[in-house]
Amino acid sequence: QVQFVESGGGLVHPGGFLRLSCEASGNIFSMYYMAWYRQAPGKQRELVAGITPGGTTRVEGAVKGRFTISRDNAKNTMYLQMNSLKPEDTAVYYCNGDPPFPWGRGTQVTVSS
C-alpha cells in the first residue's frame, strides 16, 4: 500500500511563491503517473498538474505558466513549484497516483494579503 505525505504549504501574499513536496512510501513510485490536486472550501477536488514516470508534464489551464510539476524517482518525491500565487489558488493541495491510492492529509496553501 502506497501512502503520500504532502508538505510545503503555508500563508503567502499574492504574487508570492511556494514549493510543495509529495513523498511516497514504498518502492513503486517510479512506475506511476502522479498528479497534484487541490480542493478549495466548498468546491470539488480538481486536477492541477500531472507527470508521467519519465517526466512528461501536463499543467491545467488555470495555473499554466505559473506552476511547474517535477519528480525525483530516486527520492520517491514529487514537487509543485508555485509562482505568482493568487488568492484563488487558496486550497488544500493533495498528491496521488493513477490509479489512485488512499488520499493523504494534504497541505494547506493560503494566498492572502
C-alpha atoms as a PDB file:
ATOM      1  CA  GLN A   1       0.000   0.000   0.000  1.00  0.00           C
ATOM      2  CA  VAL A   2       1.361   3.398  -1.003  1.00  0.00           C
ATOM      3  CA  GLN A   3       0.980   6.373   1.292  1.00  0.00           C
ATOM      4  CA  PHE A   4       1.586  10.021   0.477  1.00  0.00           C
ATOM      5  CA  VAL A   5       2.764  12.850   2.707  1.00  0.00           C
ATOM      6  CA  GLU A   6       2.317  16.356   1.330  1.00  0.00           C
ATOM      7  CA  SER A   7       4.265  19.297   2.745  1.00  0.00           C
ATOM      8  CA  GLY A   8       5.395  22.816   1.977  1.00  0.00           C
ATOM      9  CA  GLY A   9       2.146  24.725   2.240  1.00  0.00           C
ATOM     10  CA  GLY A  10       1.661  27.943   4.154  1.00  0.00           C
ATOM     11  CA  LEU A  11       0.426  31.511   4.099  1.00  0.00           C
ATOM     12  CA  VAL A  12       1.800  33.707   1.335  1.00  0.00           C
ATOM     13  CA  HIS A  13       0.978  37.121  -0.105  1.00  0.00           C
ATOM     14  CA  PRO A  14      -0.403  37.459  -3.625  1.00  0.00           C
ATOM     15  CA  GLY A  15       2.455  37.281  -6.100  1.00  0.00           C
ATOM     16  CA  GLY A  16       4.469  35.078  -3.775  1.00  0.00           C
ATOM     17  CA  PHE A  17       5.712  31.530  -4.260  1.00  0.00           C
ATOM     18  CA  LEU A  18       5.758  28.153  -2.559  1.00  0.00           C
ATOM     19  CA  ARG A  19       7.233  24.740  -3.328  1.00  0.00           C
ATOM     20  CA  LEU A  20       5.153  21.737  -2.350  1.00  0.00           C
ATOM     21  CA  SER A  21       6.565  18.247  -1.871  1.00  0.00           C
ATOM     22  CA  CYS A  22       4.863  14.871  -2.015  1.00  0.00           C
ATOM     23  CA  GLU A  23       6.768  11.964  -0.537  1.00  0.00           C
ATOM     24  CA  ALA A  24       5.561   8.452  -1.298  1.00  0.00           C
ATOM     25  CA  SER A  25       6.177   5.325   0.725  1.00  0.00           C
ATOM     26  CA  GLY A  26       7.054   2.020  -0.872  1.00  0.00           C
ATOM     27  CA  ASN A  27       9.168   1.318  -3.926  1.00  0.00           C
ATOM     28  CA  ILE A  28       6.706   1.591  -6.804  1.00  0.00           C
ATOM     29  CA  PHE A  29       6.571   5.391  -7.073  1.00  0.00           C
ATOM     30  CA  SER A  30       8.745   5.448 -10.176  1.00  0.00           C
ATOM     31  CA  MET A  31       6.248   3.326 -12.111  1.00  0.00           C
ATOM     32  CA  TYR A  32       3.224   5.559 -11.619  1.00  0.00           C
ATOM     33  CA  TYR A  33       1.728   8.579 -13.276  1.00  0.00           C
ATOM     34  CA  MET A  34       1.489  11.138 -10.477  1.00  0.00           C
ATOM     35  CA  ALA A  35      -0.589  14.278 -10.105  1.00  0.00           C
ATOM     36  CA  TRP A  36      -1.309  17.227  -7.870  1.00  0.00           C
ATOM     37  CA  TYR A  37      -4.889  18.106  -6.981  1.00  0.00           C
ATOM     38  CA  ARG A  38      -6.450  20.866  -4.925  1.00  0.00           C
ATOM     39  CA  GLN A  39      -9.694  21.425  -3.108  1.00  0.00           C
ATOM     40  CA  ALA A  40     -10.903  24.888  -2.189  1.00  0.00           C
ATOM     41  CA  PRO A  41     -13.554  25.412   0.508  1.00  0.00           C
ATOM     42  CA  GLY A  42     -16.983  24.454  -0.778  1.00  0.00           C
ATOM     43  CA  LYS A  43     -15.621  23.151  -4.090  1.00  0.00           C
ATOM     44  CA  GLN A  44     -14.817  19.777  -5.553  1.00  0.00           C
ATOM     45  CA  ARG A  45     -11.271  18.483  -5.748  1.00  0.00           C
ATOM     46  CA  GLU A  46      -9.696  19.439  -9.078  1.00  0.00           C
ATOM     47  CA  LEU A  47      -6.659  18.343 -11.046  1.00  0.00           C
ATOM     48  CA  VAL A  48      -3.787  20.837 -11.071  1.00  0.00           C
ATOM     49  CA  ALA A  49      -0.942  19.081 -12.889  1.00  0.00           C
ATOM     50  CA  GLY A  50       0.328  15.606 -13.751  1.00  0.00           C
ATOM     51  CA  ILE A  51       3.605  13.938 -14.655  1.00  0.00           C
ATOM     52  CA  THR A  52       4.480  10.614 -16.264  1.00  0.00           C
ATOM     53  CA  PRO A  53       7.117   8.262 -14.848  1.00  0.00           C
ATOM     54  CA  GLY A  54       9.519   9.566 -17.486  1.00  0.00           C
ATOM     55  CA  GLY A  55       8.887  13.224 -16.681  1.00  0.00           C
ATOM     56  CA  THR A  56       6.417  14.401 -19.311  1.00  0.00           C
ATOM     57  CA  THR A  57       4.191  17.007 -17.706  1.00  0.00           C
ATOM     58  CA  ARG A  58       0.733  18.450 -18.126  1.00  0.00           C
ATOM     59  CA  VAL A  59      -0.431  21.572 -16.311  1.00  0.00           C
ATOM     60  CA  GLU A  60      -4.076  22.612 -16.250  1.00  0.00           C
ATOM     61  CA  GLY A  61      -5.181  25.925 -17.713  1.00  0.00           C
ATOM     62  CA  ALA A  62      -5.854  27.847 -14.509  1.00  0.00           C
ATOM     63  CA  VAL A  63      -2.255  27.525 -13.352  1.00  0.00           C
ATOM     64  CA  LYS A  64      -0.413  27.141 -16.649  1.00  0.00           C
ATOM     65  CA  GLY A  65       2.637  29.375 -16.823  1.00  0.00           C
ATOM     66  CA  ARG A  66       2.732  29.780 -13.033  1.00  0.00           C
ATOM     67  CA  PHE A  67       3.028  26.224 -11.663  1.00  0.00           C
ATOM     68  CA  THR A  68       5.664  23.618 -12.546  1.00  0.00           C
ATOM     69  CA  ILE A  69       5.454  19.935 -11.664  1.00  0.00           C
ATOM     70  CA  SER A  70       8.507  17.721 -11.337  1.00  0.00           C
ATOM     71  CA  ARG A  71       9.586  14.468  -9.737  1.00  0.00           C
ATOM     72  CA  ASP A  72      12.660  12.711  -8.406  1.00  0.00           C
ATOM     73  CA  ASN A  73      12.086   8.979  -8.715  1.00  0.00           C
ATOM     74  CA  ALA A  74      15.228   8.191  -6.741  1.00  0.00           C
ATOM     75  CA  LYS A  75      13.751  10.062  -3.780  1.00  0.00           C
ATOM     76  CA  ASN A  76      10.150   8.856  -4.270  1.00  0.00           C
ATOM     77  CA  THR A  77       9.190  12.525  -4.270  1.00  0.00           C
ATOM     78  CA  MET A  78       7.157  14.830  -6.482  1.00  0.00           C
ATOM     79  CA  TYR A  79       7.196  18.619  -6.374  1.00  0.00           C
ATOM     80  CA  LEU A  80       4.960  21.529  -7.322  1.00  0.00           C
ATOM     81  CA  GLN A  81       6.659  24.884  -7.758  1.00  0.00           C
ATOM     82  CA  MET A  82       4.002  27.574  -7.486  1.00  0.00           C
ATOM     83  CA  ASN A  83       4.864  31.112  -8.582  1.00  0.00           C
ATOM     84  CA  SER A  84       2.807  34.286  -8.921  1.00  0.00           C
ATOM     85  CA  LEU A  85       0.271  32.948  -6.468  1.00  0.00           C
ATOM     86  CA  LYS A  86      -3.245  34.366  -6.471  1.00  0.00           C
ATOM     87  CA  PRO A  87      -5.963  34.339  -3.801  1.00  0.00           C
ATOM     88  CA  GLU A  88      -7.919  31.866  -5.936  1.00  0.00           C
ATOM     89  CA  ASP A  89      -5.065  29.368  -5.511  1.00  0.00           C
ATOM     90  CA  THR A  90      -6.052  29.030  -1.862  1.00  0.00           C
ATOM     91  CA  ALA A  91      -6.873  25.373  -1.241  1.00  0.00           C
ATOM     92  CA  VAL A  92      -5.697  22.148   0.316  1.00  0.00           C
ATOM     93  CA  TYR A  93      -3.266  20.528  -2.108  1.00  0.00           C
ATOM     94  CA  TYR A  94      -3.047  16.747  -2.445  1.00  0.00           C
ATOM     95  CA  CYS A  95      -0.987  14.327  -4.480  1.00  0.00           C
ATOM     96  CA  ASN A  96      -1.937  10.912  -5.787  1.00  0.00           C
ATOM     97  CA  GLY A  97      -1.123   8.363  -8.413  1.00  0.00           C
ATOM     98  CA  ASP A  98      -3.084   6.903 -11.307  1.00  0.00           C
ATOM     99  CA  PRO A  99      -4.769   4.589 -10.466  1.00  0.00           C
ATOM    100  CA  PRO A 100      -5.347   6.408  -7.171  1.00  0.00           C
ATOM    101  CA  PHE A 101      -4.263   5.228  -3.741  1.00  0.00           C
ATOM    102  CA  PRO A 102      -5.732   6.376  -0.414  1.00  0.00           C
ATOM    103  CA  TRP A 103      -5.552  10.159  -0.118  1.00  0.00           C
ATOM    104  CA  GLY A 104      -3.117  11.817   2.247  1.00  0.00           C
ATOM    105  CA  ARG A 105      -3.907  14.750   4.527  1.00  0.00           C
ATOM    106  CA  GLY A 106      -2.836  17.350   2.027  1.00  0.00           C
ATOM    107  CA  THR A 107      -1.101  20.629   2.695  1.00  0.00           C
ATOM    108  CA  GLN A 108      -2.903  23.953   3.115  1.00  0.00           C
ATOM    109  CA  VAL A 109      -1.980  26.836   0.831  1.00  0.00           C
ATOM    110  CA  THR A 110      -3.433  30.214   1.700  1.00  0.00           C
ATOM    111  CA  VAL A 111      -2.825  33.248  -0.505  1.00  0.00           C
ATOM    112  CA  SER A 112      -3.906  36.438   1.192  1.00  0.00           C
ATOM    113  CA  SER A 113      -2.749  39.956   1.812  1.00  0.00           C
END
